[in-house]
Amino acid sequence: MSAVRGASRPGGLAPVIRRIGVVNSRLTALLLLLVLVFGVVLGNALFNGASIRSMAYQLPELGILSLAMMVPLLSGGLDLSIISTANLVALTVAFLFHALVPHQPGVLWIVMQLVAILAGLALACVIGLVNGLIIARLEVSPILTTLGAMTLVKGISIGLTHGNVVTGFPATMVFIGNGAIAGVPLVMLIFIAVAAVMSVILNHTSFGHLVTMVGSNEEATRYSGVHTKRTLVKVYIASSLLAGIGGLIMMARFNSANAAYGESYLLITILAAVLGGISPSGGFGKVTGLVIALVILQLISTAFNLMNFSQFLTLTIWGGTLIAVAGLGRIRERLRFLQRFN
């Protein structure tokens, strides 16, 4: 594995490991600085029980969708269809709830809810499989493939609902989105569990190592005997499955489903991933960096709301931050490369 990575990045694994450590250290320092600044400016208005609980309820849906974006980014790709997939999964589960789940609680009431949820997640896997096969087998650009999938899936969602909101879910679903266990929001516990599982998969399994190898240098990885096409298909299935889980969290939080929910999240998932140290060109990045970046973005968003900043100004700042982070990252890489040959 180290030979493959070294083929695409000078210096082998050591610079990659150092950079990941440095990124997390810088993000932690930035988080502490923001806590200090916003603490002075807003005081108890930001750091009180209600605000912290609000942030804990809001972060998980964006967090799981950001994990869905992280996986293809690590492979050197991109998945623009995650939000559309999340919404179609939510609408599918919502329709199945109304069609299958009886009104009276009981064993069948629970079983049918599980059937509906599993059917929605299966649909997400099918979308990911189609994306992966087109990207891996037909070698179509991930941007074009997932852009087309985004448009297609959203069109299906709008066609099924005529743009209407679907509401009225079982009490268990409402509890998942708005309930708490020992004072901790259940959605936050779900996010922590999903993030922990993804961290183990990406750092300690052959699939995770193959994803980073493909992202570092797909051609060299293929010549080393790795079935890169199969890995890419799995990447997009995993991305869509995570998007489906994010869609379930959104429908539980809002107690409704709609084809247009979370459209602004697409930019923020890319921003969170890049800010968290995931290379836009693939090859390296860690879940821990992504989580810290998500906390930073959620803190900034909440603080801006309390300061009555316009939502459009916030989006402008997100876009500028994404350009700055990506641009500075490329500049640092080129400077390091030039220093090695001087």
Foldseek 3Di string as FASTA:
>chain_A
DQVLLCVQAPPTDVVQVVLLVVLLVVLVVVLVVLCVVLCVVPNVVCPDPVNVQVLLLPLLLLLLLLVLQLLQLQLQAGALQLQLLLQLLLVQLLVQQVVQADPDDDPSNVVSNVVSLVVSLVVLLVLLLVLLCCCLVVVDGSVVSNVVSNVVSLVVQCVVVVQDKRADGDPVLLCLSANADPSRRNSSVVSVVVLVVVQCCLPPHPLNVLSLSSLSPVVSSVVVPDPNSVSSSVSSSVSSSSSNVSSSNVCNNVRIGGSPPPPLSSLVSLLLQLSLPRQSSHRDGGSSSSVSSSVVLSSVVSSCVVVVHDPVVNSVVSVVSSCVSNVVVVVVSVVVVVVVVD
